[in-house]
Each structure stands twice: as C-alpha cells, then as structure tokens.
Amino acid sequence: MRAAVIGSGIGGLCAAIGLRRAGAEVVVFERAADLRPGGSGLSLFGNGIRALASLGVELMGVTSPEAAMMRGGQRRPDGSWLSTYPGDALAQLRIVDRADLHAVLRAAVPVGVVRGGHEVTAVSPDGEVTRVGPDGAHKTDRFDVVVAADGLRSTVRPTFGDDPGVRYAGYSTWRAITDRPVDLHGEAGETWGVGRRFGIAPLADGRVYWFAVVTAVPGVPVDDDLAALRTLFGAWHDPIPELIESTRPEAIHYLPIEELAGTLGSFVHGRIALLGDAAHAMTPNLGQGGGQAMEDAATLAALLAPLAEDATPDPVAVRATLGRYDALRRPRSQRIARRSRMIGRLAHVRGRVLSRARDAAVAATPASVLRRQLDGLQSWEPPA
C-alpha cells in the first residue's frame, strides 16, 4: 500500500508511524521547510497514552507522573478550591512539552519519509495528490490512501463539500513555558475568574506549562503581553504571578481560540481520510485535541493493517476500511468537541452574577459525576 500523509504535526506523524509499522509505503508532505512547534505543553490522558503505545511510541522519557499525583481541579482567584478531581481518575495523566513530543515522533520516522517544503495544492478522491516542491515544480502521484492531517485550515477539507469553516470561540489565550522550575506545592489545574482563567501544568524537568485565557474581541492585538498578564492575573493566588514573571516575554504567545464552525457528515471521501484538527478541530478546554488525533491515527493504522503489505490493495476493501474508520472516529471526536465547547462557554459566562452561579454549580458537582466524565474521556482502546 502506498499512503500519502499531508502534514507533519502530531496527528500526521502518528499516522505515518502507524502505517509504516503496519507495512505500508508512506510519504509525508509538509508545507513548512522546517516545522518547529511553538513553546507550549500538551496534556496526555489515558486514551492518548494507549494510542501512542499501540503505535509503538514510548514517551516516558520526556514526561513525568507528577501531574497525576498533584491535587487538581478548579480554583477561585484567591486560591480556594471550587472542585478537585478524584485522586485516581487521572492516574495516567502526563504533561509533555510539545516540542519534546514532536521530536520523539519525528525520530520514529526514518529520514526521507517527511518531505519538507512540499505544499499540497490538490487532492482527488481517487488518491491523486498534487504538490509544489521547494524548486517550484509541480508533481502529481496517485496513492492508495491519502491521510489529510493538515490542521484547522486544511486545504483538503473543502473538497468534501460540507466544510463548515472555522469560527472564533469567543476567547483568546496566552501560552508559555517558564524558563526555570517553579515549585507548585503539589497543586495544578485551572483557576476561574470573571471572563478569564489561568491553567497550570508541570513538565518533567520542573518547568511549568501555563496558559491564560480571556474573553476577547477577535482580531484586536495585544501591544504588551506581559503588561496585560500582570494587570489581569497579577493579584491572583500564588504561584500565578511567579509563573508569569518566570517567563521571558518573547516566549509568551497570544492567539485566538478557534474551532470548526460545525460538524462534517463524514471524515472520508473516496480514498481520502481526514485526521486530527482537519477533521474535528476543537477548543482546548478538555485537553483532548492531541489525544483525539492520536486516537485517529491509531485507529486508522489498525484498520488498514490487513491491507498495508499488499502492493496493490483492493480499492473496494480500502474504501470499506475507511468507512469503518469514519464510523468509529466521527461520533466520539465530535461528541468530545461539543463537550469541550460547552466547558468553554461555562468558563466564560458574562458578569459576576453568572460567574458566581457557575462557581456554585461546579462546587456542587459530585465526585462520582466528575469521575464518570473523566472515565468517558479516557475509555478508549485501539480496534482489535
């Protein structure tokens, strides 16, 4: 089987690893000449860990179990707890520097598989892929399977005919990793205020990944990130001010939170399969964007494995297999995207009155409900 993967982000590399492991001949087309992930962290829950394990990827060297052992949940700006997660519900949680994860995945792909500087300009349902290389030359080849892992603004998704487009979620975020270790005193999670929140997650080397989210008008730039953060969060509980001050201004990145504006009727069109953000870009409120891309890749690789070593796989069998991929992945990923959107709306309700009502509702949520919700997110296994 000849497979083309479009995009060398987390989902694309996972797909390439899985398909190669199954015996397929794989090439990855990446528009950027040298893809460099920005400075941010990524939450890996039990489902993501299992997906990576099914692909033969081991991450324990760049992660730490510390996050799973910390007290986590939601706090008020004064540091008092609204809600805490049940102690063992996140036993497999790991936080990883996105750059470290990308390096591990890239190392698992042989040299020459990823073609940097190759921009895909057209894909057809029969597997034809046209791209422009670094020299400006156009080339078209046909593949048995095309995996479109080209992100939120996918160039492939519009060919499906029901592309819902992209929408702003109503809030924007600063993301950063501290320059040095910061003592979190055994506590992490999120702090919710009125129209703003702050998240804390420990990395393996003692540094801390943090994010600050604010309700904001789209398209309005922030002139001074550090000054804005000090104004918005400088009086919040420790160690939030210390985290901000422990980060170089140039390491702080501000960006709008965006998602798909609706749902796709299928992740599959002919020999093309959408994967990751290209299929189901979601808000980050559940920390499941990366995990869902990993599930996609692991599922696709497992389903295509019986056909992967065939030099000329039966087109009917390929299409049937991609149909199974859609049936397995679309309902779950779209359900998680909806839930993540709801969490974001809850976190960013307008005004103090609604925020107090939100806090009361969060505080009143039984631990059994939290556990059931977390179990639902993480209860995934690769197809047999």
Protein backbone atom coordinates (compact mmCIF):
# COMPACT_ATOMS: atom_id res chain seq x y z
CA MET A 1 0.00 0.00 0.00
CA ARG A 2 1.19 3.48 -0.88
CA ALA A 3 0.00 6.11 1.58
CA ALA A 4 0.42 9.87 1.48
CA VAL A 5 0.14 11.84 4.70
CA ILE A 6 -0.40 15.59 4.40
CA GLY A 7 1.02 17.45 7.38
CA SER A 8 3.77 16.53 9.84
CA GLY A 9 2.16 17.70 13.06
CA ILE A 10 1.33 15.30 15.86
CA GLY A 11 -1.51 13.55 14.03
CA GLY A 12 0.33 13.28 10.73
CA LEU A 13 3.45 11.81 12.29
CA CYS A 14 1.41 9.36 14.36
CA ALA A 15 -0.38 8.23 11.20
CA ALA A 16 2.91 7.82 9.36
CA ILE A 17 4.39 5.80 12.24
CA GLY A 18 1.37 3.53 12.45
CA LEU A 19 1.04 2.92 8.71
CA ARG A 20 4.75 2.22 8.29
CA ARG A 21 4.64 -0.16 11.24
CA ALA A 22 1.79 -2.00 9.51
CA GLY A 23 3.89 -2.38 6.35
CA ALA A 24 2.73 0.48 4.13
CA GLU A 25 5.00 2.63 2.00
CA VAL A 26 4.49 6.12 3.41
CA VAL A 27 5.47 9.63 2.40
CA VAL A 28 4.64 12.75 4.43
CA PHE A 29 4.22 16.07 2.63
CA GLU A 30 4.86 19.08 4.85
CA ARG A 31 4.43 22.63 3.62
CA ALA A 32 6.99 24.13 6.01
CA ALA A 33 10.63 23.58 5.14
CA ASP A 34 11.39 23.00 8.82
CA LEU A 35 8.42 22.60 11.16
CA ARG A 36 9.17 23.94 14.65
CA PRO A 37 6.41 23.50 17.26
CA GLY A 38 5.79 26.56 19.44
CA GLY A 39 6.56 26.67 23.13
CA SER A 40 3.57 25.07 24.81
CA GLY A 41 2.60 21.93 26.65
CA LEU A 42 0.23 19.12 25.84
CA SER A 43 -1.95 17.04 28.14
CA LEU A 44 -1.87 13.31 27.53
CA PHE A 45 -4.65 11.39 29.23
CA GLY A 46 -5.02 7.63 29.37
CA ASN A 47 -6.55 7.42 25.90
CA GLY A 48 -3.65 9.27 24.29
CA ILE A 49 -1.09 7.18 26.17
CA ARG A 50 -2.75 3.97 24.93
CA ALA A 51 -2.96 5.28 21.37
CA LEU A 52 0.77 6.04 21.36
CA ALA A 53 1.54 2.65 22.90
CA SER A 54 -0.39 0.92 20.11
CA LEU A 55 1.85 2.78 17.64
CA GLY A 56 4.99 1.66 19.46
CA VAL A 57 5.77 5.16 20.74
CA GLU A 58 7.28 5.47 24.22
CA LEU A 59 7.10 8.90 25.88
CA MET A 60 8.02 8.21 29.47
CA GLY A 61 11.50 9.67 28.97
CA VAL A 62 10.10 13.15 28.32
CA THR A 63 7.14 13.10 30.71
CA SER A 64 6.65 12.75 34.44
CA PRO A 65 3.91 11.22 36.60
CA GLU A 66 3.99 14.34 38.79
CA ALA A 67 0.85 15.86 37.24
CA ALA A 68 -1.19 12.76 38.09
CA MET A 69 -0.05 12.92 41.72
CA MET A 70 -0.91 16.59 42.23
CA ARG A 71 -4.13 18.00 43.58
CA GLY A 72 -6.03 19.25 40.55
CA GLY A 73 -9.33 20.82 39.63
CA GLN A 74 -10.76 24.34 39.59
CA ARG A 75 -9.87 27.17 41.98
CA ARG A 76 -11.06 30.70 42.63
CA PRO A 77 -8.64 33.62 42.10
CA ASP A 78 -7.97 33.69 45.87
CA GLY A 79 -6.73 30.09 45.71
CA SER A 80 -9.69 28.38 47.40
CA TRP A 81 -10.86 25.23 45.66
CA LEU A 82 -14.15 25.02 43.81
CA SER A 83 -13.72 21.38 42.88
CA THR A 84 -11.00 18.73 42.89
CA TYR A 85 -10.66 15.68 40.70
CA PRO A 86 -10.97 12.23 42.28
CA GLY A 87 -7.48 11.10 43.24
CA ASP A 88 -7.05 8.13 40.90
CA ALA A 89 -9.19 9.34 38.00
CA LEU A 90 -6.16 10.85 36.25
CA ALA A 91 -3.59 8.21 37.19
CA GLN A 92 -2.19 8.08 33.66
CA LEU A 93 -2.11 11.84 33.03
CA ARG A 94 1.16 13.16 31.64
CA ILE A 95 2.11 16.67 30.55
CA VAL A 96 4.68 16.95 27.79
CA ASP A 97 6.48 19.84 26.13
CA ARG A 98 5.01 19.87 22.63
CA ALA A 99 8.50 20.26 21.14
CA ASP A 100 9.70 17.15 23.01
CA LEU A 101 6.72 15.14 21.79
CA HIS A 102 7.29 16.24 18.22
CA ALA A 103 10.97 15.30 18.47
CA VAL A 104 10.10 11.80 19.73
CA LEU A 105 7.60 11.29 16.91
CA ARG A 106 9.95 12.66 14.27
CA ALA A 107 12.73 10.34 15.48
CA ALA A 108 10.39 7.38 14.95
CA VAL A 109 10.09 8.22 11.24
CA PRO A 110 13.09 7.35 9.03
CA VAL A 111 14.97 10.10 7.24
CA GLY A 112 13.42 10.85 3.87
CA VAL A 113 9.84 9.97 4.77
CA VAL A 114 8.95 13.56 5.67
CA ARG A 115 9.31 15.88 2.67
CA GLY A 116 9.62 19.42 3.99
CA GLY A 117 8.87 22.33 1.68
CA HIS A 118 6.23 20.36 -0.27
CA GLU A 119 2.90 22.19 -0.37
CA VAL A 120 -0.07 20.08 -1.43
CA THR A 121 -2.27 22.08 -3.80
CA ALA A 122 -4.85 19.49 -4.87
CA VAL A 123 -6.15 16.10 -3.77
CA SER A 124 -8.73 14.00 -5.61
CA PRO A 125 -10.99 11.28 -4.19
CA ASP A 126 -9.20 8.68 -6.33
CA GLY A 127 -5.95 9.31 -4.45
CA GLU A 128 -4.17 11.77 -6.73
CA VAL A 129 -2.02 14.28 -4.82
CA THR A 130 -0.53 17.35 -6.49
CA ARG A 131 2.13 19.34 -4.68
CA VAL A 132 4.68 22.08 -5.28
CA GLY A 133 8.23 21.26 -4.21
CA PRO A 134 10.97 23.56 -2.91
CA ASP A 135 12.11 24.14 -6.51
CA GLY A 136 8.65 25.34 -7.56
CA ALA A 137 7.96 22.30 -9.70
CA HIS A 138 4.51 20.69 -9.64
CA LYS A 139 4.20 16.93 -9.37
CA THR A 140 1.21 14.58 -9.17
CA ASP A 141 1.19 10.99 -7.90
CA ARG A 142 -1.56 8.53 -7.08
CA PHE A 143 -1.77 6.80 -3.70
CA ASP A 144 -3.92 4.01 -2.32
CA VAL A 145 -4.76 6.12 0.75
CA VAL A 146 -4.41 9.85 1.46
CA VAL A 147 -4.39 10.97 5.10
CA ALA A 148 -5.16 14.67 5.41
CA ALA A 149 -3.69 15.80 8.71
CA ASP A 150 -3.22 19.39 7.60
CA GLY A 151 -4.81 21.14 10.53
CA LEU A 152 -7.59 23.58 11.31
CA ARG A 153 -7.25 25.41 8.00
CA SER A 154 -6.99 22.24 5.96
CA THR A 155 -6.63 22.63 2.21
CA VAL A 156 -8.17 19.18 1.76
CA ARG A 157 -11.33 19.52 3.88
CA PRO A 158 -13.07 21.97 1.47
CA THR A 159 -13.04 19.26 -1.21
CA PHE A 160 -15.50 17.27 0.93
CA GLY A 161 -18.30 19.69 0.02
CA ASP A 162 -19.70 20.29 3.52
CA ASP A 163 -16.75 22.09 5.09
CA PRO A 164 -18.29 24.17 7.92
CA GLY A 165 -15.35 26.57 8.04
CA VAL A 166 -13.67 27.98 11.13
CA ARG A 167 -15.11 30.13 13.91
CA TYR A 168 -13.71 32.08 16.83
CA ALA A 169 -14.71 30.57 20.17
CA GLY A 170 -15.06 33.94 21.91
CA TYR A 171 -11.84 33.85 23.89
CA SER A 172 -8.09 34.04 23.30
CA THR A 173 -5.12 32.63 25.16
CA TRP A 174 -1.56 33.27 26.13
CA ARG A 175 0.56 30.11 26.28
CA ALA A 176 4.07 29.70 27.58
CA ILE A 177 6.58 27.51 29.39
CA THR A 178 8.57 29.00 32.25
CA ASP A 179 12.30 29.45 31.78
CA ARG A 180 13.08 27.76 35.07
CA PRO A 181 11.49 25.32 37.53
CA VAL A 182 8.75 26.72 39.77
CA ASP A 183 7.50 24.99 42.92
CA LEU A 184 3.79 24.29 42.54
CA HIS A 185 3.46 22.91 46.08
CA GLY A 186 1.65 19.85 44.78
CA GLU A 187 -1.22 21.76 43.15
CA ALA A 188 -2.14 22.29 39.49
CA GLY A 189 -5.25 22.68 37.33
CA GLU A 190 -7.23 25.80 36.44
CA THR A 191 -8.33 28.96 38.24
CA TRP A 192 -11.58 30.56 37.08
CA GLY A 193 -12.45 34.23 37.41
CA VAL A 194 -14.90 36.51 35.62
CA GLY A 195 -14.20 36.23 31.89
CA ARG A 196 -10.72 34.86 32.47
CA ARG A 197 -8.92 31.79 33.73
CA PHE A 198 -5.41 30.51 34.29
CA GLY A 199 -4.08 26.97 33.88
CA ILE A 200 -1.02 25.31 35.40
CA ALA A 201 0.66 22.03 34.37
CA PRO A 202 4.09 20.68 35.45
CA LEU A 203 6.67 19.40 32.98
CA ALA A 204 9.14 16.60 33.65
CA ASP A 205 12.14 18.91 34.22
CA GLY A 206 10.40 21.14 36.77
CA ARG A 207 9.47 23.88 34.35
CA VAL A 208 5.77 24.71 34.12
CA TYR A 209 3.47 24.99 31.15
CA TRP A 210 0.87 27.67 31.80
CA PHE A 211 -1.93 29.31 29.87
CA ALA A 212 -4.10 32.36 30.49
CA VAL A 213 -7.46 32.67 28.74
CA VAL A 214 -9.58 35.81 28.40
CA THR A 215 -12.87 36.70 26.77
CA ALA A 216 -11.75 38.97 23.95
CA VAL A 217 -12.85 40.68 20.76
CA PRO A 218 -11.35 38.80 17.80
CA GLY A 219 -8.64 40.46 15.76
CA VAL A 220 -7.63 43.00 18.39
CA PRO A 221 -3.88 42.69 19.04
CA VAL A 222 -2.29 42.96 22.48
CA ASP A 223 0.50 45.53 22.46
CA ASP A 224 2.31 44.32 25.58
CA ASP A 225 1.64 40.72 26.60
CA LEU A 226 3.48 40.90 29.90
CA ALA A 227 1.76 44.11 30.97
CA ALA A 228 -1.66 42.67 30.10
CA LEU A 229 -0.96 39.48 32.05
CA ARG A 230 0.21 41.42 35.09
CA THR A 231 -2.94 43.54 35.00
CA LEU A 232 -5.30 40.60 34.57
CA PHE A 233 -3.64 37.99 36.80
CA GLY A 234 -1.05 39.75 38.96
CA ALA A 235 -3.30 39.71 42.04
CA TRP A 236 -4.35 36.08 41.68
CA HIS A 237 -3.15 33.35 44.03
CA ASP A 238 0.39 32.00 44.08
CA PRO A 239 2.18 30.81 42.07
CA ILE A 240 0.39 32.53 39.17
CA PRO A 241 2.31 35.84 39.42
CA GLU A 242 5.59 33.92 39.78
CA LEU A 243 4.85 31.83 36.70
CA ILE A 244 4.30 34.95 34.63
CA GLU A 245 7.48 36.58 35.92
CA SER A 246 9.47 33.37 35.35
CA THR A 247 8.83 33.50 31.62
CA ARG A 248 10.68 35.55 29.02
CA PRO A 249 8.28 37.92 27.20
CA GLU A 250 9.36 36.52 23.83
CA ALA A 251 8.36 33.02 24.99
CA ILE A 252 4.74 34.10 25.59
CA HIS A 253 2.41 33.55 22.63
CA TYR A 254 -1.06 35.07 22.26
CA LEU A 255 -3.54 33.51 19.88
CA PRO A 256 -7.30 33.26 19.31
CA ILE A 257 -9.05 30.01 20.16
CA GLU A 258 -10.77 28.68 17.06
CA GLU A 259 -12.68 25.54 16.15
CA LEU A 260 -14.69 24.06 13.32
CA ALA A 261 -17.92 26.02 12.92
CA GLY A 262 -19.94 22.83 12.55
CA THR A 263 -19.63 19.10 12.02
CA LEU A 264 -18.69 17.13 8.94
CA GLY A 265 -21.01 14.45 7.61
CA SER A 266 -18.03 12.18 7.02
CA PHE A 267 -14.29 12.12 7.65
CA VAL A 268 -13.83 10.12 4.45
CA HIS A 269 -14.16 11.00 0.76
CA GLY A 270 -13.09 8.28 -1.65
CA ARG A 271 -9.53 7.35 -0.69
CA ILE A 272 -9.08 10.43 1.50
CA ALA A 273 -9.34 10.30 5.29
CA LEU A 274 -9.31 13.44 7.42
CA LEU A 275 -7.43 13.19 10.72
CA GLY A 276 -6.90 15.42 13.76
CA ASP A 277 -7.77 19.11 13.55
CA ALA A 278 -8.56 18.79 9.85
CA ALA A 279 -11.47 16.55 10.86
CA HIS A 280 -12.58 17.84 14.24
CA ALA A 281 -10.66 20.92 15.40
CA MET A 282 -11.92 21.59 18.91
CA THR A 283 -11.40 24.07 21.72
CA PRO A 284 -8.69 23.05 24.21
CA ASN A 285 -10.95 23.02 27.27
CA LEU A 286 -10.76 19.25 27.78
CA GLY A 287 -7.13 18.89 26.73
CA GLN A 288 -8.19 16.37 24.08
CA GLY A 289 -7.10 17.88 20.76
CA GLY A 290 -3.84 15.96 20.63
CA GLY A 291 -5.32 12.84 22.17
CA GLN A 292 -8.09 12.67 19.58
CA ALA A 293 -5.57 13.00 16.75
CA MET A 294 -3.61 10.12 18.29
CA GLU A 295 -6.77 8.03 18.52
CA ASP A 296 -7.49 8.80 14.86
CA ALA A 297 -4.02 7.69 13.80
CA ALA A 298 -4.02 4.53 15.91
CA THR A 299 -7.48 3.56 14.66
CA LEU A 300 -6.64 4.17 11.01
CA ALA A 301 -3.38 2.22 11.24
CA ALA A 302 -5.05 -0.73 12.97
CA LEU A 303 -7.88 -0.91 10.44
CA LEU A 304 -5.60 -0.61 7.40
CA ALA A 305 -3.03 -3.10 8.73
CA PRO A 306 -4.52 -6.14 6.90
CA LEU A 307 -4.13 -4.26 3.59
CA ALA A 308 -0.88 -2.41 4.26
CA GLU A 309 1.57 -5.00 2.95
CA ASP A 310 -0.34 -5.51 -0.31
CA ALA A 311 1.39 -3.67 -3.17
CA THR A 312 -1.97 -3.20 -4.91
CA PRO A 313 -4.72 -3.34 -2.28
CA ASP A 314 -8.27 -3.83 -3.49
CA PRO A 315 -9.84 -0.35 -3.88
CA VAL A 316 -13.18 -1.67 -2.65
CA ALA A 317 -11.54 -3.02 0.51
CA VAL A 318 -9.72 0.27 1.05
CA ARG A 319 -12.93 2.28 0.81
CA ALA A 320 -14.77 -0.12 3.10
CA THR A 321 -11.97 0.15 5.65
CA LEU A 322 -12.03 3.93 5.53
CA GLY A 323 -15.77 3.75 6.08
CA ARG A 324 -15.13 1.81 9.29
CA TYR A 325 -12.64 4.48 10.34
CA ASP A 326 -15.31 7.15 9.89
CA ALA A 327 -17.89 5.13 11.81
CA LEU A 328 -15.51 4.62 14.73
CA ARG A 329 -13.95 8.06 14.94
CA ARG A 330 -16.52 10.64 13.91
CA PRO A 331 -19.15 10.14 16.65
CA ARG A 332 -16.65 10.09 19.52
CA SER A 333 -14.48 13.00 18.37
CA GLN A 334 -17.48 15.19 17.54
CA ARG A 335 -19.05 14.38 20.91
CA ILE A 336 -15.87 15.42 22.71
CA ALA A 337 -15.67 18.61 20.63
CA ARG A 338 -19.24 19.52 21.66
CA ARG A 339 -18.48 18.92 25.31
CA SER A 340 -15.29 20.96 25.12
CA ARG A 341 -17.26 23.84 23.60
CA MET A 342 -19.78 23.65 26.46
CA ILE A 343 -17.00 23.78 29.06
CA GLY A 344 -15.61 26.89 27.39
CA ARG A 345 -18.99 28.60 27.44
CA LEU A 346 -19.40 27.73 31.11
CA ALA A 347 -15.95 29.04 31.98
CA HIS A 348 -16.56 32.32 30.16
CA VAL A 349 -20.08 33.24 31.23
CA ARG A 350 -20.57 37.00 31.33
CA GLY A 351 -20.61 39.06 34.51
CA ARG A 352 -20.18 38.44 38.22
CA VAL A 353 -23.69 37.14 38.85
CA LEU A 354 -23.46 34.38 36.27
CA SER A 355 -19.88 33.62 37.32
CA ARG A 356 -20.99 33.12 40.93
CA ALA A 357 -23.78 30.81 39.74
CA ARG A 358 -21.24 28.90 37.65
CA ASP A 359 -18.92 28.54 40.64
CA ALA A 360 -21.76 27.24 42.78
CA ALA A 361 -22.67 24.66 40.14
CA VAL A 362 -19.06 23.49 39.81
CA ALA A 363 -18.66 23.26 43.58
CA ALA A 364 -21.85 21.22 43.88
CA THR A 365 -20.86 18.63 41.25
CA PRO A 366 -20.42 15.24 42.98
CA ALA A 367 -17.08 13.46 42.71
CA SER A 368 -18.89 10.49 41.15
CA VAL A 369 -20.03 12.68 38.26
CA LEU A 370 -16.51 14.03 37.72
CA ARG A 371 -15.12 10.51 37.73
CA ARG A 372 -17.70 9.32 35.21
CA GLN A 373 -16.91 12.26 32.92
CA LEU A 374 -13.15 11.64 33.11
CA ASP A 375 -13.61 7.92 32.56
CA GLY A 376 -15.69 8.66 29.47
CA LEU A 377 -12.92 10.80 28.01
CA GLN A 378 -10.25 8.22 28.64
CA SER A 379 -12.12 4.97 27.94
CA TRP A 380 -10.73 4.21 24.51
CA GLU A 381 -8.88 1.20 23.13
CA PRO A 382 -7.47 0.64 19.64
CA PRO A 383 -9.66 -1.58 17.45
CA ALA A 384 -8.76 -5.26 17.52
